[in-house]
Amino acid sequence: GDVVDEAALIAALQDGQIGGAGLDVYEQEPTVPKALTN
């Protein structure tokens, strides 16, 4: 999970910079940000 800057990923998804994401791991596992689950 910590290979990825999760905040930057969320921003890229929210801003439409990328089309989507598939994640099996998380930066603060097992906590998954609401922004992703939504």
PDB file of all heavy atoms in Angstrom:
ATOM      1  N   GLY A   1       0.792  -1.214   0.000  1.00  0.00           N
ATOM      2  CA  GLY A   1       0.000   0.000   0.000  1.00  0.00           C
ATOM      3  C   GLY A   1       0.825   1.266   0.000  1.00  0.00           C
ATOM      4  O   GLY A   1       0.485   2.248  -0.672  1.00  0.00           O
ATOM      5  N   ASP A   2       1.951   1.269   0.741  1.00  0.00           N
ATOM      6  CA  ASP A   2       2.718   2.508   0.854  1.00  0.00           C
ATOM      7  C   ASP A   2       3.606   2.780  -0.351  1.00  0.00           C
ATOM      8  O   ASP A   2       4.288   3.793  -0.396  1.00  0.00           O
ATOM      9  CB  ASP A   2       3.530   2.536   2.146  1.00  0.00           C
ATOM     10  CG  ASP A   2       4.543   1.416   2.257  1.00  0.00           C
ATOM     11  OD1 ASP A   2       4.695   0.634   1.299  1.00  0.00           O
ATOM     12  OD2 ASP A   2       5.202   1.317   3.322  1.00  0.00           O
ATOM     13  N   VAL A   3       3.586   1.896  -1.348  1.00  0.00           N
ATOM     14  CA  VAL A   3       4.240   2.196  -2.623  1.00  0.00           C
ATOM     15  C   VAL A   3       3.521   3.359  -3.308  1.00  0.00           C
ATOM     16  O   VAL A   3       4.118   4.092  -4.092  1.00  0.00           O
ATOM     17  CB  VAL A   3       4.250   0.941  -3.531  1.00  0.00           C
ATOM     18  CG1 VAL A   3       4.608   1.288  -4.968  1.00  0.00           C
ATOM     19  CG2 VAL A   3       5.227  -0.092  -2.986  1.00  0.00           C
ATOM     20  N   VAL A   4       2.248   3.525  -2.985  1.00  0.00           N
ATOM     21  CA  VAL A   4       1.406   4.542  -3.606  1.00  0.00           C
ATOM     22  C   VAL A   4       1.102   5.663  -2.620  1.00  0.00           C
ATOM     23  O   VAL A   4       0.781   5.415  -1.457  1.00  0.00           O
ATOM     24  CB  VAL A   4       0.082   3.909  -4.090  1.00  0.00           C
ATOM     25  CG1 VAL A   4      -0.841   4.967  -4.687  1.00  0.00           C
ATOM     26  CG2 VAL A   4       0.366   2.808  -5.099  1.00  0.00           C
ATOM     27  N   ASP A   5       1.193   6.901  -3.097  1.00  0.00           N
ATOM     28  CA  ASP A   5       0.700   8.045  -2.340  1.00  0.00           C
ATOM     29  C   ASP A   5      -0.817   8.023  -2.477  1.00  0.00           C
ATOM     30  O   ASP A   5      -1.370   8.453  -3.499  1.00  0.00           O
ATOM     31  CB  ASP A   5       1.286   9.334  -2.909  1.00  0.00           C
ATOM     32  CG  ASP A   5       0.855  10.578  -2.156  1.00  0.00           C
ATOM     33  OD1 ASP A   5      -0.179  10.525  -1.451  1.00  0.00           O
ATOM     34  OD2 ASP A   5       1.529  11.607  -2.289  1.00  0.00           O
ATOM     35  N   GLU A   6      -1.489   7.481  -1.467  1.00  0.00           N
ATOM     36  CA  GLU A   6      -2.926   7.243  -1.555  1.00  0.00           C
ATOM     37  C   GLU A   6      -3.714   8.541  -1.749  1.00  0.00           C
ATOM     38  O   GLU A   6      -4.721   8.567  -2.468  1.00  0.00           O
ATOM     39  CB  GLU A   6      -3.401   6.506  -0.312  1.00  0.00           C
ATOM     40  CG  GLU A   6      -4.655   5.681  -0.500  1.00  0.00           C
ATOM     41  CD  GLU A   6      -4.815   4.653   0.608  1.00  0.00           C
ATOM     42  OE1 GLU A   6      -4.999   5.063   1.778  1.00  0.00           O
ATOM     43  OE2 GLU A   6      -4.753   3.449   0.309  1.00  0.00           O
ATOM     44  N   ALA A   7      -3.275   9.612  -1.121  1.00  0.00           N
ATOM     45  CA  ALA A   7      -3.952  10.903  -1.289  1.00  0.00           C
ATOM     46  C   ALA A   7      -3.868  11.372  -2.734  1.00  0.00           C
ATOM     47  O   ALA A   7      -4.837  11.918  -3.288  1.00  0.00           O
ATOM     48  CB  ALA A   7      -3.343  11.945  -0.350  1.00  0.00           C
ATOM     49  N   ALA A   8      -2.704  11.156  -3.362  1.00  0.00           N
ATOM     50  CA  ALA A   8      -2.545  11.543  -4.768  1.00  0.00           C
ATOM     51  C   ALA A   8      -3.412  10.681  -5.676  1.00  0.00           C
ATOM     52  O   ALA A   8      -3.969  11.164  -6.663  1.00  0.00           O
ATOM     53  CB  ALA A   8      -1.077  11.432  -5.168  1.00  0.00           C
ATOM     54  N   LEU A   9      -3.541   9.395  -5.342  1.00  0.00           N
ATOM     55  CA  LEU A   9      -4.407   8.513  -6.119  1.00  0.00           C
ATOM     56  C   LEU A   9      -5.858   8.967  -6.024  1.00  0.00           C
ATOM     57  O   LEU A   9      -6.571   9.034  -7.039  1.00  0.00           O
ATOM     58  CB  LEU A   9      -4.271   7.072  -5.620  1.00  0.00           C
ATOM     59  CG  LEU A   9      -5.270   6.055  -6.200  1.00  0.00           C
ATOM     60  CD1 LEU A   9      -5.129   5.952  -7.716  1.00  0.00           C
ATOM     61  CD2 LEU A   9      -5.089   4.695  -5.538  1.00  0.00           C
ATOM     62  N   ILE A  10      -6.305   9.280  -4.820  1.00  0.00           N
ATOM     63  CA  ILE A  10      -7.680   9.738  -4.628  1.00  0.00           C
ATOM     64  C   ILE A  10      -7.930  11.018  -5.421  1.00  0.00           C
ATOM     65  O   ILE A  10      -8.962  11.156  -6.092  1.00  0.00           O
ATOM     66  CB  ILE A  10      -7.967   9.952  -3.128  1.00  0.00           C
ATOM     67  CG1 ILE A  10      -8.004   8.598  -2.408  1.00  0.00           C
ATOM     68  CG2 ILE A  10      -9.264  10.715  -2.920  1.00  0.00           C
ATOM     69  CD1 ILE A  10      -8.001   8.703  -0.893  1.00  0.00           C
ATOM     70  N   ALA A  11      -6.978  11.940  -5.371  1.00  0.00           N
ATOM     71  CA  ALA A  11      -7.134  13.202  -6.109  1.00  0.00           C
ATOM     72  C   ALA A  11      -7.220  12.953  -7.609  1.00  0.00           C
ATOM     73  O   ALA A  11      -8.032  13.563  -8.311  1.00  0.00           O
ATOM     74  CB  ALA A  11      -5.966  14.138  -5.782  1.00  0.00           C
ATOM     75  N   ALA A  12      -6.385  12.035  -8.115  1.00  0.00           N
ATOM     76  CA  ALA A  12      -6.384  11.724  -9.549  1.00  0.00           C
ATOM     77  C   ALA A  12      -7.709  11.111  -9.980  1.00  0.00           C
ATOM     78  O   ALA A  12      -8.227  11.416 -11.070  1.00  0.00           O
ATOM     79  CB  ALA A  12      -5.232  10.788  -9.877  1.00  0.00           C
ATOM     80  N   LEU A  13      -8.276  10.264  -9.142  1.00  0.00           N
ATOM     81  CA  LEU A  13      -9.575   9.656  -9.435  1.00  0.00           C
ATOM     82  C   LEU A  13     -10.692  10.701  -9.378  1.00  0.00           C
ATOM     83  O   LEU A  13     -11.557  10.761 -10.257  1.00  0.00           O
ATOM     84  CB  LEU A  13      -9.851   8.522  -8.449  1.00  0.00           C
ATOM     85  CG  LEU A  13      -9.031   7.255  -8.641  1.00  0.00           C
ATOM     86  CD1 LEU A  13      -9.047   6.407  -7.371  1.00  0.00           C
ATOM     87  CD2 LEU A  13      -9.547   6.441  -9.830  1.00  0.00           C
ATOM     88  N   GLN A  14     -10.680  11.533  -8.358  1.00  0.00           N
ATOM     89  CA  GLN A  14     -11.728  12.540  -8.200  1.00  0.00           C
ATOM     90  C   GLN A  14     -11.689  13.586  -9.308  1.00  0.00           C
ATOM     91  O   GLN A  14     -12.736  14.082  -9.742  1.00  0.00           O
ATOM     92  CB  GLN A  14     -11.595  13.214  -6.833  1.00  0.00           C
ATOM     93  CG  GLN A  14     -11.956  12.309  -5.665  1.00  0.00           C
ATOM     94  CD  GLN A  14     -11.708  12.951  -4.311  1.00  0.00           C
ATOM     95  OE1 GLN A  14     -10.857  13.839  -4.179  1.00  0.00           O
ATOM     96  NE2 GLN A  14     -12.432  12.509  -3.289  1.00  0.00           N
ATOM     97  N   ASP A  15     -10.469  13.890  -9.784  1.00  0.00           N
ATOM     98  CA  ASP A  15     -10.315  14.912 -10.825  1.00  0.00           C
ATOM     99  C   ASP A  15     -10.470  14.350 -12.232  1.00  0.00           C
ATOM    100  O   ASP A  15     -10.376  15.101 -13.217  1.00  0.00           O
ATOM    101  CB  ASP A  15      -8.943  15.587 -10.704  1.00  0.00           C
ATOM    102  CG  ASP A  15      -8.796  16.389  -9.412  1.00  0.00           C
ATOM    103  OD1 ASP A  15      -9.831  16.672  -8.766  1.00  0.00           O
ATOM    104  OD2 ASP A  15      -7.644  16.715  -9.046  1.00  0.00           O
ATOM    105  N   GLY A  16     -10.655  13.036 -12.347  1.00  0.00           N
ATOM    106  CA  GLY A  16     -10.801  12.422 -13.663  1.00  0.00           C
ATOM    107  C   GLY A  16      -9.501  12.315 -14.437  1.00  0.00           C
ATOM    108  O   GLY A  16      -9.516  12.142 -15.661  1.00  0.00           O
ATOM    109  N   GLN A  17      -8.358  12.410 -13.732  1.00  0.00           N
ATOM    110  CA  GLN A  17      -7.072  12.258 -14.414  1.00  0.00           C
ATOM    111  C   GLN A  17      -6.868  10.842 -14.911  1.00  0.00           C
ATOM    112  O   GLN A  17      -6.185  10.619 -15.912  1.00  0.00           O
ATOM    113  CB  GLN A  17      -5.919  12.624 -13.458  1.00  0.00           C
ATOM    114  CG  GLN A  17      -5.752  14.102 -13.215  1.00  0.00           C
ATOM    115  CD  GLN A  17      -4.526  14.376 -12.344  1.00  0.00           C
ATOM    116  OE1 GLN A  17      -4.235  13.634 -11.411  1.00  0.00           O
ATOM    117  NE2 GLN A  17      -3.813  15.446 -12.654  1.00  0.00           N
ATOM    118  N   ILE A  18      -7.441   9.855 -14.198  1.00  0.00           N
ATOM    119  CA  ILE A  18      -7.363   8.459 -14.600  1.00  0.00           C
ATOM    120  C   ILE A  18      -8.766   7.858 -14.575  1.00  0.00           C
ATOM    121  O   ILE A  18      -9.675   8.404 -13.949  1.00  0.00           O
ATOM    122  CB  ILE A  18      -6.403   7.639 -13.709  1.00  0.00           C
ATOM    123  CG1 ILE A  18      -6.908   7.558 -12.273  1.00  0.00           C
ATOM    124  CG2 ILE A  18      -5.003   8.235 -13.762  1.00  0.00           C
ATOM    125  CD1 ILE A  18      -6.055   6.668 -11.379  1.00  0.00           C
ATOM    126  N   GLY A  19      -8.905   6.709 -15.265  1.00  0.00           N
ATOM    127  CA  GLY A  19     -10.233   6.149 -15.446  1.00  0.00           C
ATOM    128  C   GLY A  19     -10.738   5.297 -14.305  1.00  0.00           C
ATOM    129  O   GLY A  19     -11.950   5.101 -14.157  1.00  0.00           O
ATOM    130  N   GLY A  20      -9.835   4.761 -13.491  1.00  0.00           N
ATOM    131  CA  GLY A  20     -10.266   3.891 -12.401  1.00  0.00           C
ATOM    132  C   GLY A  20      -9.075   3.251 -11.730  1.00  0.00           C
ATOM    133  O   GLY A  20      -7.921   3.451 -12.132  1.00  0.00           O
ATOM    134  N   ALA A  21      -9.352   2.459 -10.703  1.00  0.00           N
ATOM    135  CA  ALA A  21      -8.275   1.791  -9.966  1.00  0.00           C
ATOM    136  C   ALA A  21      -8.779   0.476  -9.398  1.00  0.00           C
ATOM    137  O   ALA A  21      -9.961   0.353  -9.045  1.00  0.00           O
ATOM    138  CB  ALA A  21      -7.744   2.685  -8.844  1.00  0.00           C
ATOM    139  N   GLY A  22      -7.871  -0.488  -9.305  1.00  0.00           N
ATOM    140  CA  GLY A  22      -8.149  -1.762  -8.658  1.00  0.00           C
ATOM    141  C   GLY A  22      -7.080  -2.013  -7.615  1.00  0.00           C
ATOM    142  O   GLY A  22      -5.892  -2.071  -7.948  1.00  0.00           O
ATOM    143  N   LEU A  23      -7.470  -2.129  -6.356  1.00  0.00           N
ATOM    144  CA  LEU A  23      -6.508  -2.172  -5.258  1.00  0.00           C
ATOM    145  C   LEU A  23      -6.710  -3.410  -4.398  1.00  0.00           C
ATOM    146  O   LEU A  23      -7.831  -3.747  -4.030  1.00  0.00           O
ATOM    147  CB  LEU A  23      -6.669  -0.922  -4.377  1.00  0.00           C
ATOM    148  CG  LEU A  23      -6.660   0.431  -5.104  1.00  0.00           C
ATOM    149  CD1 LEU A  23      -6.989   1.548  -4.129  1.00  0.00           C
ATOM    150  CD2 LEU A  23      -5.323   0.669  -5.794  1.00  0.00           C
ATOM    151  N   ASP A  24      -5.597  -4.055  -4.073  1.00  0.00           N
ATOM    152  CA  ASP A  24      -5.624  -5.174  -3.128  1.00  0.00           C
ATOM    153  C   ASP A  24      -4.916  -4.814  -1.832  1.00  0.00           C
ATOM    154  O   ASP A  24      -4.972  -5.562  -0.863  1.00  0.00           O
ATOM    155  CB  ASP A  24      -4.957  -6.408  -3.756  1.00  0.00           C
ATOM    156  CG  ASP A  24      -5.205  -7.678  -2.953  1.00  0.00           C
ATOM    157  OD1 ASP A  24      -6.325  -7.845  -2.438  1.00  0.00           O
ATOM    158  OD2 ASP A  24      -4.274  -8.503  -2.839  1.00  0.00           O
ATOM    159  N   VAL A  25      -4.227  -3.674  -1.819  1.00  0.00           N
ATOM    160  CA  VAL A  25      -3.440  -3.229  -0.664  1.00  0.00           C
ATOM    161  C   VAL A  25      -3.642  -1.731  -0.469  1.00  0.00           C
ATOM    162  O   VAL A  25      -3.987  -1.011  -1.411  1.00  0.00           O
ATOM    163  CB  VAL A  25      -1.939  -3.550  -0.861  1.00  0.00           C
ATOM    164  CG1 VAL A  25      -1.683  -5.044  -0.782  1.00  0.00           C
ATOM    165  CG2 VAL A  25      -1.434  -3.010  -2.197  1.00  0.00           C
ATOM    166  N   TYR A  26      -3.372  -1.261   0.773  1.00  0.00           N
ATOM    167  CA  TYR A  26      -3.702   0.112   1.139  1.00  0.00           C
ATOM    168  C   TYR A  26      -2.615   0.699   2.028  1.00  0.00           C
ATOM    169  O   TYR A  26      -1.933  -0.022   2.761  1.00  0.00           O
ATOM    170  CB  TYR A  26      -5.062   0.140   1.855  1.00  0.00           C
ATOM    171  CG  TYR A  26      -6.111  -0.595   1.047  1.00  0.00           C
ATOM    172  CD1 TYR A  26      -6.347  -1.955   1.261  1.00  0.00           C
ATOM    173  CD2 TYR A  26      -6.802   0.052   0.031  1.00  0.00           C
ATOM    174  CE1 TYR A  26      -7.259  -2.652   0.483  1.00  0.00           C
ATOM    175  CE2 TYR A  26      -7.717  -0.631  -0.752  1.00  0.00           C
ATOM    176  CZ  TYR A  26      -7.936  -1.983  -0.530  1.00  0.00           C
ATOM    177  OH  TYR A  26      -8.826  -2.672  -1.308  1.00  0.00           O
ATOM    178  N   GLU A  27      -2.483   2.012   1.982  1.00  0.00           N
ATOM    179  CA  GLU A  27      -1.381   2.666   2.686  1.00  0.00           C
ATOM    180  C   GLU A  27      -1.479   2.509   4.191  1.00  0.00           C
ATOM    181  O   GLU A  27      -0.466   2.337   4.869  1.00  0.00           O
ATOM    182  CB  GLU A  27      -1.325   4.147   2.303  1.00  0.00           C
ATOM    183  CG  GLU A  27      -0.081   4.838   2.811  1.00  0.00           C
ATOM    184  CD  GLU A  27       0.149   6.204   2.207  1.00  0.00           C
ATOM    185  OE1 GLU A  27      -0.662   6.657   1.373  1.00  0.00           O
ATOM    186  OE2 GLU A  27       1.157   6.846   2.573  1.00  0.00           O
ATOM    187  N   GLN A  28      -2.695   2.556   4.744  1.00  0.00           N
ATOM    188  CA  GLN A  28      -2.886   2.413   6.190  1.00  0.00           C
ATOM    189  C   GLN A  28      -3.703   1.152   6.481  1.00  0.00           C
ATOM    190  O   GLN A  28      -4.603   1.163   7.318  1.00  0.00           O
ATOM    191  CB  GLN A  28      -3.588   3.652   6.750  1.00  0.00           C
ATOM    192  CG  GLN A  28      -2.859   4.957   6.509  1.00  0.00           C
ATOM    193  CD  GLN A  28      -1.509   5.013   7.194  1.00  0.00           C
ATOM    194  OE1 GLN A  28      -1.314   4.433   8.257  1.00  0.00           O
ATOM    195  NE2 GLN A  28      -0.564   5.725   6.591  1.00  0.00           N
ATOM    196  N   GLU A  29      -3.388   0.093   5.801  1.00  0.00           N
ATOM    197  CA  GLU A  29      -4.133  -1.166   5.914  1.00  0.00           C
ATOM    198  C   GLU A  29      -4.265  -1.622   7.370  1.00  0.00           C
ATOM    199  O   GLU A  29      -3.293  -1.557   8.112  1.00  0.00           O
ATOM    200  CB  GLU A  29      -3.365  -2.221   5.101  1.00  0.00           C
ATOM    201  CG  GLU A  29      -4.101  -3.476   4.784  1.00  0.00           C
ATOM    202  CD  GLU A  29      -3.360  -4.320   3.757  1.00  0.00           C
ATOM    203  OE1 GLU A  29      -2.921  -3.761   2.729  1.00  0.00           O
ATOM    204  OE2 GLU A  29      -3.210  -5.527   3.996  1.00  0.00           O
ATOM    205  N   PRO A  30      -5.477  -2.032   7.824  1.00  0.00           N
ATOM    206  CA  PRO A  30      -6.676  -2.324   7.036  1.00  0.00           C
ATOM    207  C   PRO A  30      -7.631  -1.142   6.849  1.00  0.00           C
ATOM    208  O   PRO A  30      -8.739  -1.331   6.362  1.00  0.00           O
ATOM    209  CB  PRO A  30      -7.351  -3.415   7.869  1.00  0.00           C
ATOM    210  CG  PRO A  30      -7.034  -3.036   9.275  1.00  0.00           C
ATOM    211  CD  PRO A  30      -5.635  -2.477   9.230  1.00  0.00           C
ATOM    212  N   THR A  31      -7.212   0.066   7.225  1.00  0.00           N
ATOM    213  CA  THR A  31      -8.072   1.229   7.026  1.00  0.00           C
ATOM    214  C   THR A  31      -8.099   1.610   5.553  1.00  0.00           C
ATOM    215  O   THR A  31      -7.044   1.761   4.926  1.00  0.00           O
ATOM    216  CB  THR A  31      -7.567   2.420   7.861  1.00  0.00           C
ATOM    217  OG1 THR A  31      -7.565   2.052   9.242  1.00  0.00           O
ATOM    218  CG2 THR A  31      -8.446   3.637   7.659  1.00  0.00           C
ATOM    219  N   VAL A  32      -9.296   1.749   5.006  1.00  0.00           N
ATOM    220  CA  VAL A  32      -9.473   2.160   3.612  1.00  0.00           C
ATOM    221  C   VAL A  32     -10.231   3.485   3.618  1.00  0.00           C
ATOM    222  O   VAL A  32     -11.324   3.565   4.193  1.00  0.00           O
ATOM    223  CB  VAL A  32     -10.253   1.102   2.806  1.00  0.00           C
ATOM    224  CG1 VAL A  32     -10.419   1.546   1.353  1.00  0.00           C
ATOM    225  CG2 VAL A  32      -9.547  -0.246   2.876  1.00  0.00           C
ATOM    226  N   PRO A  33      -9.696   4.535   3.007  1.00  0.00           N
ATOM    227  CA  PRO A  33     -10.352   5.840   3.036  1.00  0.00           C
ATOM    228  C   PRO A  33     -11.767   5.795   2.453  1.00  0.00           C
ATOM    229  O   PRO A  33     -12.021   5.114   1.454  1.00  0.00           O
ATOM    230  CB  PRO A  33      -9.437   6.716   2.172  1.00  0.00           C
ATOM    231  CG  PRO A  33      -8.105   6.055   2.229  1.00  0.00           C
ATOM    232  CD  PRO A  33      -8.390   4.585   2.297  1.00  0.00           C
ATOM    233  N   LYS A  34     -12.669   6.533   3.076  1.00  0.00           N
ATOM    234  CA  LYS A  34     -14.039   6.628   2.581  1.00  0.00           C
ATOM    235  C   LYS A  34     -14.080   7.133   1.148  1.00  0.00           C
ATOM    236  O   LYS A  34     -14.959   6.762   0.358  1.00  0.00           O
ATOM    237  CB  LYS A  34     -14.864   7.554   3.480  1.00  0.00           C
ATOM    238  CG  LYS A  34     -15.315   6.921   4.781  1.00  0.00           C
ATOM    239  CD  LYS A  34     -16.403   5.889   4.520  1.00  0.00           C
ATOM    240  CE  LYS A  34     -16.938   5.348   5.845  1.00  0.00           C
ATOM    241  NZ  LYS A  34     -17.938   4.272   5.604  1.00  0.00           N
ATOM    242  N   ALA A  35     -13.140   7.993   0.812  1.00  0.00           N
ATOM    243  CA  ALA A  35     -13.102   8.530  -0.547  1.00  0.00           C
ATOM    244  C   ALA A  35     -12.978   7.420  -1.581  1.00  0.00           C
ATOM    245  O   ALA A  35     -13.528   7.522  -2.681  1.00  0.00           O
ATOM    246  CB  ALA A  35     -11.944   9.510  -0.692  1.00  0.00           C
ATOM    247  N   LEU A  36     -12.258   6.347  -1.227  1.00  0.00           N
ATOM    248  CA  LEU A  36     -12.136   5.215  -2.150  1.00  0.00           C
ATOM    249  C   LEU A  36     -13.377   4.339  -2.132  1.00  0.00           C
ATOM    250  O   LEU A  36     -13.863   3.910  -3.184  1.00  0.00           O
ATOM    251  CB  LEU A  36     -10.899   4.384  -1.791  1.00  0.00           C
ATOM    252  CG  LEU A  36      -9.541   5.003  -2.084  1.00  0.00           C
ATOM    253  CD1 LEU A  36      -8.418   4.116  -1.560  1.00  0.00           C
ATOM    254  CD2 LEU A  36      -9.354   5.240  -3.584  1.00  0.00           C
ATOM    255  N   THR A  37     -13.896   4.046  -0.952  1.00  0.00           N
ATOM    256  CA  THR A  37     -15.065   3.170  -0.879  1.00  0.00           C
ATOM    257  C   THR A  37     -16.302   3.814  -1.501  1.00  0.00           C
ATOM    258  O   THR A  37     -17.228   3.112  -1.913  1.00  0.00           O
ATOM    259  CB  THR A  37     -15.384   2.766   0.575  1.00  0.00           C
ATOM    260  OG1 THR A  37     -15.674   3.933   1.347  1.00  0.00           O
ATOM    261  CG2 THR A  37     -14.204   2.033   1.202  1.00  0.00           C
ATOM    262  N   ASN A  38     -16.317   5.138  -1.594  1.00  0.00           N
ATOM    263  CA  ASN A  38     -17.460   5.839  -2.170  1.00  0.00           C
ATOM    264  C   ASN A  38     -17.424   5.909  -3.695  1.00  0.00           C
ATOM    265  O   ASN A  38     -18.409   6.316  -4.313  1.00  0.00           O
ATOM    266  CB  ASN A  38     -17.551   7.261  -1.608  1.00  0.00           C
ATOM    267  CG  ASN A  38     -17.993   7.283  -0.159  1.00  0.00           C
ATOM    268  OD1 ASN A  38     -18.585   6.324   0.336  1.00  0.00           O
ATOM    269  ND2 ASN A  38     -17.689   8.368   0.536  1.00  0.00           N
TER     270      ASN A  38
END
